């Protein structure tokens, strides 16, 4: 029998983003991008929600595709409530995505011919992550990291 994948924890930024997407899609849907998610179960659920006309359609599509864990996740989230603000959820989601990106960049630097070529990106991301924690710079840092993570950035003078 195949190994059972552990269920996704409810308290992650990824599952909270899905919950807000299900309950208040207009608040968060335009801000989300698949690149912000790292968990394959959540990614499949996100894709289904975005593609489906209704939550029931999304769950049915996941079931038909053999994505039982993602379907279970959506069914579980469908009965939960949240009063989380979309902006706060997005900030947490961006921060988690940036942390994954730093890990990937550090791994890349370890095997790169010129590790310093990656160091600038690592420093930039770490600096933006520090700015996420400051009220005066959190919104700007979120926007910059969101653009960088989703590949929708314009070249700028840092």
N, C-alpha and C. Protein backbone atom coordinates (compact mmCIF):
# COMPACT_ATOMS: atom_id res chain seq x y z
N UNK A 1 0.84 -1.19 0.00
CA UNK A 1 0.00 0.00 0.00
C UNK A 1 0.89 1.25 0.00
N UNK A 2 0.45 2.30 -0.67
CA UNK A 2 1.25 3.52 -0.70
C UNK A 2 1.31 4.17 0.69
N UNK A 3 2.40 4.84 0.95
CA UNK A 3 2.55 5.53 2.23
C UNK A 3 1.55 6.67 2.31
N UNK A 4 0.95 6.81 3.45
CA UNK A 4 -0.04 7.88 3.64
C UNK A 4 0.71 9.18 3.93
N UNK A 5 0.40 10.20 3.16
CA UNK A 5 1.02 11.50 3.37
C UNK A 5 0.36 12.15 4.57
N UNK A 6 1.17 12.75 5.43
CA UNK A 6 0.62 13.43 6.61
C UNK A 6 -0.29 14.57 6.17
N UNK A 7 -1.40 14.75 6.86
CA UNK A 7 -2.29 15.84 6.50
C UNK A 7 -1.60 17.19 6.71
N UNK A 8 -2.00 18.16 5.91
CA UNK A 8 -1.45 19.50 6.01
C UNK A 8 -1.95 20.13 7.31
N UNK A 9 -1.05 20.75 8.05
CA UNK A 9 -1.46 21.44 9.27
C UNK A 9 -2.32 22.63 8.92
N UNK A 10 -3.27 22.92 9.73
CA UNK A 10 -4.22 24.00 9.49
C UNK A 10 -3.61 25.38 9.70
N UNK A 11 -2.60 25.48 10.54
CA UNK A 11 -2.13 26.80 10.95
C UNK A 11 -0.98 27.34 10.10
N UNK A 12 -0.84 26.87 8.90
CA UNK A 12 0.20 27.43 8.04
C UNK A 12 -0.37 28.62 7.26
N UNK A 13 0.52 29.47 6.80
CA UNK A 13 0.07 30.59 5.97
C UNK A 13 -0.59 30.07 4.69
N UNK A 14 -0.10 28.95 4.18
CA UNK A 14 -0.66 28.39 2.95
C UNK A 14 -2.11 27.96 3.14
N UNK A 15 -2.39 27.25 4.22
CA UNK A 15 -3.77 26.81 4.44
C UNK A 15 -4.67 27.99 4.81
N UNK A 16 -4.11 28.97 5.53
CA UNK A 16 -4.89 30.16 5.87
C UNK A 16 -5.24 30.94 4.59
N UNK A 17 -4.30 31.01 3.65
CA UNK A 17 -4.57 31.69 2.38
C UNK A 17 -5.67 30.97 1.62
N UNK A 18 -5.64 29.64 1.63
CA UNK A 18 -6.72 28.88 0.98
C UNK A 18 -8.05 29.15 1.65
N UNK A 19 -8.04 29.20 2.98
CA UNK A 19 -9.27 29.45 3.72
C UNK A 19 -9.86 30.82 3.36
N UNK A 20 -9.01 31.85 3.32
CA UNK A 20 -9.50 33.18 2.93
C UNK A 20 -9.97 33.15 1.48
N UNK A 21 -9.25 32.42 0.62
CA UNK A 21 -9.65 32.32 -0.79
C UNK A 21 -11.03 31.68 -0.92
N UNK A 22 -11.31 30.68 -0.11
CA UNK A 22 -12.61 30.00 -0.15
C UNK A 22 -13.71 30.91 0.38
N UNK A 23 -13.43 31.61 1.48
CA UNK A 23 -14.47 32.40 2.14
C UNK A 23 -14.66 33.79 1.54
N UNK A 24 -13.54 34.43 1.18
CA UNK A 24 -13.61 35.81 0.68
C UNK A 24 -12.69 35.95 -0.53
N UNK A 25 -13.04 35.28 -1.63
CA UNK A 25 -12.14 35.25 -2.79
C UNK A 25 -11.77 36.64 -3.32
N UNK A 26 -12.69 37.58 -3.27
CA UNK A 26 -12.39 38.91 -3.80
C UNK A 26 -11.30 39.61 -3.01
N UNK A 27 -11.15 39.25 -1.73
CA UNK A 27 -10.15 39.88 -0.88
C UNK A 27 -8.72 39.45 -1.21
N UNK A 28 -8.56 38.20 -1.69
CA UNK A 28 -7.21 37.67 -1.80
C UNK A 28 -6.87 37.06 -3.16
N UNK A 29 -7.86 36.62 -3.91
CA UNK A 29 -7.57 35.93 -5.18
C UNK A 29 -6.65 36.73 -6.11
N UNK A 30 -6.84 38.03 -6.28
CA UNK A 30 -5.96 38.76 -7.20
C UNK A 30 -4.51 38.85 -6.72
N UNK A 31 -4.28 38.60 -5.43
CA UNK A 31 -2.95 38.72 -4.86
C UNK A 31 -2.17 37.41 -4.87
N UNK A 32 -2.88 36.30 -5.02
CA UNK A 32 -2.24 34.99 -4.91
C UNK A 32 -1.65 34.54 -6.22
N UNK A 33 -0.64 33.70 -6.09
CA UNK A 33 0.02 33.09 -7.23
C UNK A 33 0.50 31.72 -6.78
N UNK A 34 0.47 30.76 -7.67
CA UNK A 34 0.90 29.40 -7.34
C UNK A 34 2.33 29.38 -6.78
N UNK A 35 3.17 30.32 -7.22
CA UNK A 35 4.56 30.36 -6.77
C UNK A 35 4.69 30.62 -5.27
N UNK A 36 3.64 31.11 -4.63
CA UNK A 36 3.68 31.40 -3.21
C UNK A 36 3.48 30.17 -2.34
N UNK A 37 3.09 29.07 -2.95
CA UNK A 37 2.81 27.85 -2.20
C UNK A 37 3.94 26.85 -2.38
N UNK A 38 4.27 26.13 -1.32
CA UNK A 38 5.35 25.15 -1.39
C UNK A 38 4.89 23.72 -1.18
N UNK A 39 3.77 23.53 -0.50
CA UNK A 39 3.28 22.20 -0.19
C UNK A 39 2.48 21.66 -1.38
N UNK A 40 2.87 20.50 -1.91
CA UNK A 40 2.17 19.96 -3.08
C UNK A 40 0.68 19.73 -2.86
N UNK A 41 0.29 19.36 -1.64
CA UNK A 41 -1.13 19.16 -1.34
C UNK A 41 -1.88 20.49 -1.45
N UNK A 42 -1.29 21.54 -0.93
CA UNK A 42 -1.92 22.86 -0.97
C UNK A 42 -1.91 23.41 -2.40
N UNK A 43 -0.82 23.17 -3.13
CA UNK A 43 -0.75 23.64 -4.52
C UNK A 43 -1.88 23.03 -5.34
N UNK A 44 -2.09 21.73 -5.20
CA UNK A 44 -3.16 21.07 -5.95
C UNK A 44 -4.52 21.64 -5.55
N UNK A 45 -4.72 21.88 -4.26
CA UNK A 45 -5.99 22.45 -3.79
C UNK A 45 -6.17 23.86 -4.34
N UNK A 46 -5.11 24.66 -4.32
CA UNK A 46 -5.18 26.03 -4.85
C UNK A 46 -5.56 26.00 -6.33
N UNK A 47 -4.88 25.16 -7.10
CA UNK A 47 -5.19 25.06 -8.54
C UNK A 47 -6.65 24.70 -8.77
N UNK A 48 -7.15 23.76 -7.98
CA UNK A 48 -8.54 23.32 -8.15
C UNK A 48 -9.53 24.43 -7.80
N UNK A 49 -9.24 25.17 -6.73
CA UNK A 49 -10.13 26.26 -6.34
C UNK A 49 -10.16 27.34 -7.41
N UNK A 50 -8.99 27.68 -7.94
CA UNK A 50 -8.90 28.72 -8.96
C UNK A 50 -9.59 28.28 -10.25
N UNK A 51 -9.49 26.99 -10.57
CA UNK A 51 -10.06 26.48 -11.83
C UNK A 51 -11.54 26.16 -11.73
N UNK A 52 -12.02 25.86 -10.53
CA UNK A 52 -13.40 25.42 -10.37
C UNK A 52 -14.38 26.56 -10.23
N UNK A 53 -15.59 26.34 -10.69
CA UNK A 53 -16.64 27.36 -10.55
C UNK A 53 -17.11 27.43 -9.10
N UNK A 54 -17.12 26.27 -8.43
CA UNK A 54 -17.54 26.21 -7.02
C UNK A 54 -16.55 25.35 -6.25
N UNK A 55 -16.67 25.42 -4.94
CA UNK A 55 -15.82 24.59 -4.09
C UNK A 55 -16.12 23.11 -4.33
N UNK A 56 -17.39 22.79 -4.53
CA UNK A 56 -17.78 21.40 -4.81
C UNK A 56 -17.11 20.92 -6.10
N UNK A 57 -17.04 21.79 -7.11
CA UNK A 57 -16.36 21.44 -8.36
C UNK A 57 -14.89 21.16 -8.11
N UNK A 58 -14.27 21.99 -7.28
CA UNK A 58 -12.85 21.83 -6.97
C UNK A 58 -12.60 20.50 -6.27
N UNK A 59 -13.42 20.18 -5.29
CA UNK A 59 -13.28 18.92 -4.55
C UNK A 59 -13.49 17.73 -5.48
N UNK A 60 -14.51 17.82 -6.34
CA UNK A 60 -14.79 16.73 -7.28
C UNK A 60 -13.63 16.54 -8.26
N UNK A 61 -13.08 17.62 -8.76
CA UNK A 61 -11.96 17.54 -9.69
C UNK A 61 -10.74 16.91 -9.03
N UNK A 62 -10.49 17.27 -7.78
CA UNK A 62 -9.36 16.68 -7.05
C UNK A 62 -9.58 15.19 -6.82
N UNK A 63 -10.80 14.82 -6.45
CA UNK A 63 -11.11 13.41 -6.26
C UNK A 63 -10.93 12.61 -7.53
N UNK A 64 -11.39 13.17 -8.65
CA UNK A 64 -11.25 12.50 -9.95
C UNK A 64 -9.80 12.37 -10.36
N UNK A 65 -8.95 13.30 -9.92
CA UNK A 65 -7.54 13.28 -10.28
C UNK A 65 -6.70 12.46 -9.30
N UNK A 66 -7.35 11.86 -8.31
CA UNK A 66 -6.62 11.06 -7.34
C UNK A 66 -5.89 11.88 -6.30
N UNK A 67 -6.29 13.13 -6.14
CA UNK A 67 -5.66 14.03 -5.17
C UNK A 67 -6.51 14.07 -3.90
N UNK A 68 -6.62 12.90 -3.23
CA UNK A 68 -7.50 12.78 -2.07
C UNK A 68 -7.10 13.72 -0.94
N UNK A 69 -5.80 13.87 -0.69
CA UNK A 69 -5.36 14.72 0.41
C UNK A 69 -5.75 16.18 0.18
N UNK A 70 -5.65 16.61 -1.06
CA UNK A 70 -6.03 17.98 -1.39
C UNK A 70 -7.54 18.14 -1.28
N UNK A 71 -8.29 17.15 -1.73
CA UNK A 71 -9.75 17.20 -1.61
C UNK A 71 -10.16 17.23 -0.14
N UNK A 72 -9.51 16.39 0.69
CA UNK A 72 -9.79 16.38 2.13
C UNK A 72 -9.49 17.74 2.75
N UNK A 73 -8.39 18.34 2.34
CA UNK A 73 -8.01 19.65 2.86
C UNK A 73 -9.11 20.68 2.55
N UNK A 74 -9.57 20.72 1.31
CA UNK A 74 -10.62 21.69 0.95
C UNK A 74 -11.90 21.42 1.72
N UNK A 75 -12.25 20.16 1.89
CA UNK A 75 -13.47 19.84 2.64
C UNK A 75 -13.34 20.28 4.09
N UNK A 76 -12.16 20.11 4.67
CA UNK A 76 -11.92 20.53 6.04
C UNK A 76 -11.99 22.06 6.15
N UNK A 77 -11.35 22.75 5.21
CA UNK A 77 -11.34 24.21 5.26
C UNK A 77 -12.73 24.80 5.01
N UNK A 78 -13.54 24.09 4.25
CA UNK A 78 -14.88 24.60 3.90
C UNK A 78 -15.75 24.82 5.13
N UNK A 79 -15.48 24.11 6.22
CA UNK A 79 -16.30 24.24 7.42
C UNK A 79 -15.63 25.06 8.51
N UNK A 80 -14.48 25.63 8.21
CA UNK A 80 -13.77 26.45 9.19
C UNK A 80 -14.05 27.93 8.95
N UNK A 81 -13.86 28.70 9.98
CA UNK A 81 -14.02 30.15 9.89
C UNK A 81 -12.68 30.83 10.07
N UNK A 82 -12.56 32.00 9.53
CA UNK A 82 -11.38 32.83 9.76
C UNK A 82 -11.78 34.28 9.76
N UNK A 83 -11.13 35.03 10.63
CA UNK A 83 -11.30 36.47 10.60
C UNK A 83 -9.98 37.13 10.20
N UNK A 84 -9.07 36.31 9.67
CA UNK A 84 -7.76 36.81 9.26
C UNK A 84 -7.91 37.81 8.13
N UNK A 85 -7.12 38.87 8.20
CA UNK A 85 -7.10 39.88 7.15
C UNK A 85 -6.27 39.35 5.98
N UNK A 86 -6.75 39.58 4.77
CA UNK A 86 -6.06 39.09 3.57
C UNK A 86 -4.62 39.61 3.51
N UNK A 87 -4.42 40.87 3.87
CA UNK A 87 -3.07 41.44 3.83
C UNK A 87 -2.12 40.75 4.78
N UNK A 88 -2.60 40.42 5.97
CA UNK A 88 -1.77 39.72 6.96
C UNK A 88 -1.43 38.31 6.47
N UNK A 89 -2.42 37.63 5.91
CA UNK A 89 -2.19 36.29 5.39
C UNK A 89 -1.20 36.34 4.24
N UNK A 90 -1.37 37.31 3.35
CA UNK A 90 -0.44 37.44 2.23
C UNK A 90 0.98 37.69 2.72
N UNK A 91 1.13 38.54 3.72
CA UNK A 91 2.45 38.84 4.27
C UNK A 91 3.11 37.57 4.82
N UNK A 92 2.35 36.76 5.56
CA UNK A 92 2.88 35.50 6.09
C UNK A 92 3.25 34.55 4.95
N UNK A 93 2.40 34.49 3.94
CA UNK A 93 2.63 33.61 2.80
C UNK A 93 3.90 34.03 2.05
N UNK A 94 4.06 35.33 1.85
CA UNK A 94 5.25 35.86 1.18
C UNK A 94 6.50 35.57 2.01
N UNK A 95 6.38 35.74 3.32
CA UNK A 95 7.54 35.48 4.19
C UNK A 95 7.96 34.01 4.12
N UNK A 96 6.98 33.10 4.14
CA UNK A 96 7.31 31.67 4.02
C UNK A 96 7.93 31.37 2.66
N UNK A 97 7.39 31.98 1.62
CA UNK A 97 7.95 31.79 0.28
C UNK A 97 9.36 32.31 0.18
N UNK A 98 9.61 33.46 0.80
CA UNK A 98 10.95 34.03 0.80
C UNK A 98 11.93 33.14 1.57
N UNK A 99 11.48 32.55 2.66
CA UNK A 99 12.34 31.63 3.42
C UNK A 99 12.72 30.42 2.57
N UNK A 100 11.74 29.88 1.83
CA UNK A 100 12.05 28.75 0.93
C UNK A 100 13.03 29.19 -0.15
N UNK A 101 12.85 30.40 -0.66
CA UNK A 101 13.73 30.90 -1.71
C UNK A 101 15.15 31.07 -1.20
N UNK A 102 15.30 31.57 0.03
CA UNK A 102 16.64 31.71 0.60
C UNK A 102 17.31 30.35 0.72
N UNK A 103 16.57 29.35 1.18
CA UNK A 103 17.14 28.00 1.29
C UNK A 103 17.60 27.50 -0.08
N UNK A 104 16.80 27.73 -1.10
CA UNK A 104 17.15 27.31 -2.45
C UNK A 104 18.38 28.07 -2.96
N UNK A 105 18.42 29.37 -2.70
CA UNK A 105 19.56 30.17 -3.13
C UNK A 105 20.84 29.76 -2.40
N UNK A 106 20.73 29.45 -1.12
CA UNK A 106 21.90 29.01 -0.36
C UNK A 106 22.41 27.67 -0.89
N UNK A 107 21.49 26.78 -1.24
CA UNK A 107 21.89 25.50 -1.82
C UNK A 107 22.57 25.72 -3.16
N UNK A 108 22.02 26.64 -3.95
CA UNK A 108 22.62 26.98 -5.24
C UNK A 108 24.02 27.56 -5.06
N UNK A 109 24.19 28.42 -4.05
CA UNK A 109 25.50 29.04 -3.80
C UNK A 109 26.55 28.01 -3.42
N UNK A 110 26.13 26.94 -2.72
CA UNK A 110 27.08 25.91 -2.30
C UNK A 110 27.69 25.15 -3.47
N UNK A 111 26.97 25.08 -4.57
CA UNK A 111 27.48 24.32 -5.73
C UNK A 111 27.86 25.21 -6.90
N UNK A 112 27.67 26.51 -6.75
CA UNK A 112 27.94 27.43 -7.86
C UNK A 112 29.44 27.64 -8.04
N UNK A 113 29.83 27.86 -9.30
CA UNK A 113 31.22 28.20 -9.58
C UNK A 113 31.58 29.53 -8.93
N UNK A 114 30.61 30.45 -8.91
CA UNK A 114 30.83 31.76 -8.31
C UNK A 114 29.72 32.00 -7.27
N UNK A 115 29.93 31.54 -6.03
CA UNK A 115 28.89 31.68 -5.00
C UNK A 115 28.51 33.14 -4.74
N UNK A 116 29.43 34.06 -5.00
CA UNK A 116 29.12 35.47 -4.75
C UNK A 116 28.05 35.99 -5.71
N UNK A 117 27.90 35.33 -6.85
CA UNK A 117 26.87 35.75 -7.81
C UNK A 117 25.47 35.61 -7.20
N UNK A 118 25.32 34.66 -6.28
CA UNK A 118 24.03 34.41 -5.65
C UNK A 118 23.89 35.21 -4.35
N UNK A 119 25.01 35.62 -3.79
CA UNK A 119 25.01 36.30 -2.50
C UNK A 119 24.18 37.58 -2.52
N UNK A 120 24.21 38.31 -3.62
CA UNK A 120 23.43 39.54 -3.71
C UNK A 120 21.94 39.29 -3.60
N UNK A 121 21.48 38.23 -4.26
CA UNK A 121 20.05 37.87 -4.17
C UNK A 121 19.67 37.47 -2.75
N UNK A 122 20.54 36.68 -2.12
CA UNK A 122 20.28 36.25 -0.75
C UNK A 122 20.18 37.46 0.17
N UNK A 123 21.13 38.38 0.05
CA UNK A 123 21.12 39.57 0.89
C UNK A 123 19.87 40.42 0.65
N UNK A 124 19.48 40.57 -0.62
CA UNK A 124 18.29 41.36 -0.95
C UNK A 124 17.05 40.76 -0.31
N UNK A 125 16.89 39.42 -0.43
CA UNK A 125 15.71 38.76 0.13
C UNK A 125 15.72 38.88 1.66
N UNK A 126 16.86 38.65 2.28
CA UNK A 126 16.94 38.76 3.74
C UNK A 126 16.60 40.18 4.22
N UNK A 127 17.06 41.16 3.49
CA UNK A 127 16.76 42.56 3.85
C UNK A 127 15.26 42.83 3.74
N UNK A 128 14.63 42.36 2.66
CA UNK A 128 13.19 42.55 2.51
C UNK A 128 12.44 41.82 3.63
N UNK A 129 12.94 40.65 4.04
CA UNK A 129 12.28 39.90 5.11
C UNK A 129 12.35 40.67 6.43
N UNK A 130 13.45 41.33 6.69
CA UNK A 130 13.54 42.19 7.88
C UNK A 130 12.54 43.33 7.78
N UNK A 131 12.40 43.89 6.59
CA UNK A 131 11.45 44.99 6.39
C UNK A 131 10.01 44.55 6.59
N UNK A 132 9.72 43.26 6.36
CA UNK A 132 8.36 42.74 6.59
C UNK A 132 7.93 42.92 8.04
N UNK A 133 8.88 42.95 8.94
CA UNK A 133 8.57 43.02 10.37
C UNK A 133 8.41 44.44 10.88
N UNK A 134 8.67 45.42 10.03
CA UNK A 134 8.57 46.82 10.44
C UNK A 134 7.30 47.44 9.84
N UNK A 135 6.47 48.04 10.68
CA UNK A 135 5.21 48.61 10.18
C UNK A 135 5.38 49.60 9.03
N UNK A 136 6.45 50.40 9.08
CA UNK A 136 6.65 51.42 8.05
C UNK A 136 7.06 50.84 6.70
N UNK A 137 7.64 49.65 6.69
CA UNK A 137 8.16 49.08 5.45
C UNK A 137 7.50 47.76 5.04
N UNK A 138 6.60 47.25 5.88
CA UNK A 138 6.02 45.93 5.63
C UNK A 138 5.28 45.84 4.29
N UNK A 139 4.49 46.85 3.98
CA UNK A 139 3.70 46.80 2.75
C UNK A 139 4.60 46.84 1.52
N UNK A 140 5.57 47.71 1.52
CA UNK A 140 6.50 47.81 0.40
C UNK A 140 7.31 46.52 0.24
N UNK A 141 7.79 45.99 1.36
CA UNK A 141 8.57 44.75 1.32
C UNK A 141 7.72 43.59 0.80
N UNK A 142 6.47 43.54 1.23
CA UNK A 142 5.57 42.49 0.75
C UNK A 142 5.40 42.59 -0.76
N UNK A 143 5.15 43.80 -1.24
CA UNK A 143 4.97 44.00 -2.68
C UNK A 143 6.23 43.61 -3.46
N UNK A 144 7.40 44.01 -2.95
CA UNK A 144 8.65 43.69 -3.65
C UNK A 144 8.92 42.19 -3.66
N UNK A 145 8.75 41.55 -2.51
CA UNK A 145 8.98 40.09 -2.45
C UNK A 145 7.95 39.34 -3.28
N UNK A 146 6.70 39.80 -3.23
CA UNK A 146 5.65 39.16 -4.02
C UNK A 146 6.02 39.20 -5.51
N UNK A 147 6.43 40.36 -5.98
CA UNK A 147 6.85 40.47 -7.37
C UNK A 147 8.04 39.59 -7.69
N UNK A 148 9.00 39.55 -6.79
CA UNK A 148 10.21 38.74 -7.02
C UNK A 148 9.87 37.25 -7.03
N UNK A 149 9.05 36.81 -6.06
CA UNK A 149 8.71 35.39 -5.96
C UNK A 149 7.88 34.91 -7.15
N UNK A 150 7.04 35.79 -7.66
CA UNK A 150 6.16 35.39 -8.76
C UNK A 150 6.75 35.73 -10.13
N UNK A 151 7.97 36.31 -10.12
CA UNK A 151 8.62 36.62 -11.39
C UNK A 151 8.00 37.79 -12.12
N UNK A 152 7.30 38.64 -11.39
CA UNK A 152 6.61 39.78 -12.01
C UNK A 152 7.28 41.09 -11.65
N UNK A 153 8.59 41.05 -11.42
CA UNK A 153 9.28 42.27 -11.03
C UNK A 153 9.82 42.98 -12.25
N UNK A 154 9.98 44.26 -12.09
CA UNK A 154 10.68 45.05 -13.10
C UNK A 154 12.06 45.32 -12.54
N UNK A 155 13.03 45.40 -13.41
CA UNK A 155 14.39 45.70 -12.95
C UNK A 155 14.39 47.08 -12.31
N UNK A 156 14.98 47.17 -11.12
CA UNK A 156 15.04 48.46 -10.43
C UNK A 156 16.40 48.63 -9.80
N UNK A 157 16.64 49.83 -9.34
CA UNK A 157 17.91 50.14 -8.69
C UNK A 157 17.77 49.96 -7.18
N UNK A 158 17.48 48.72 -6.76
CA UNK A 158 17.42 48.24 -5.45
C UNK A 158 16.91 48.96 -4.35
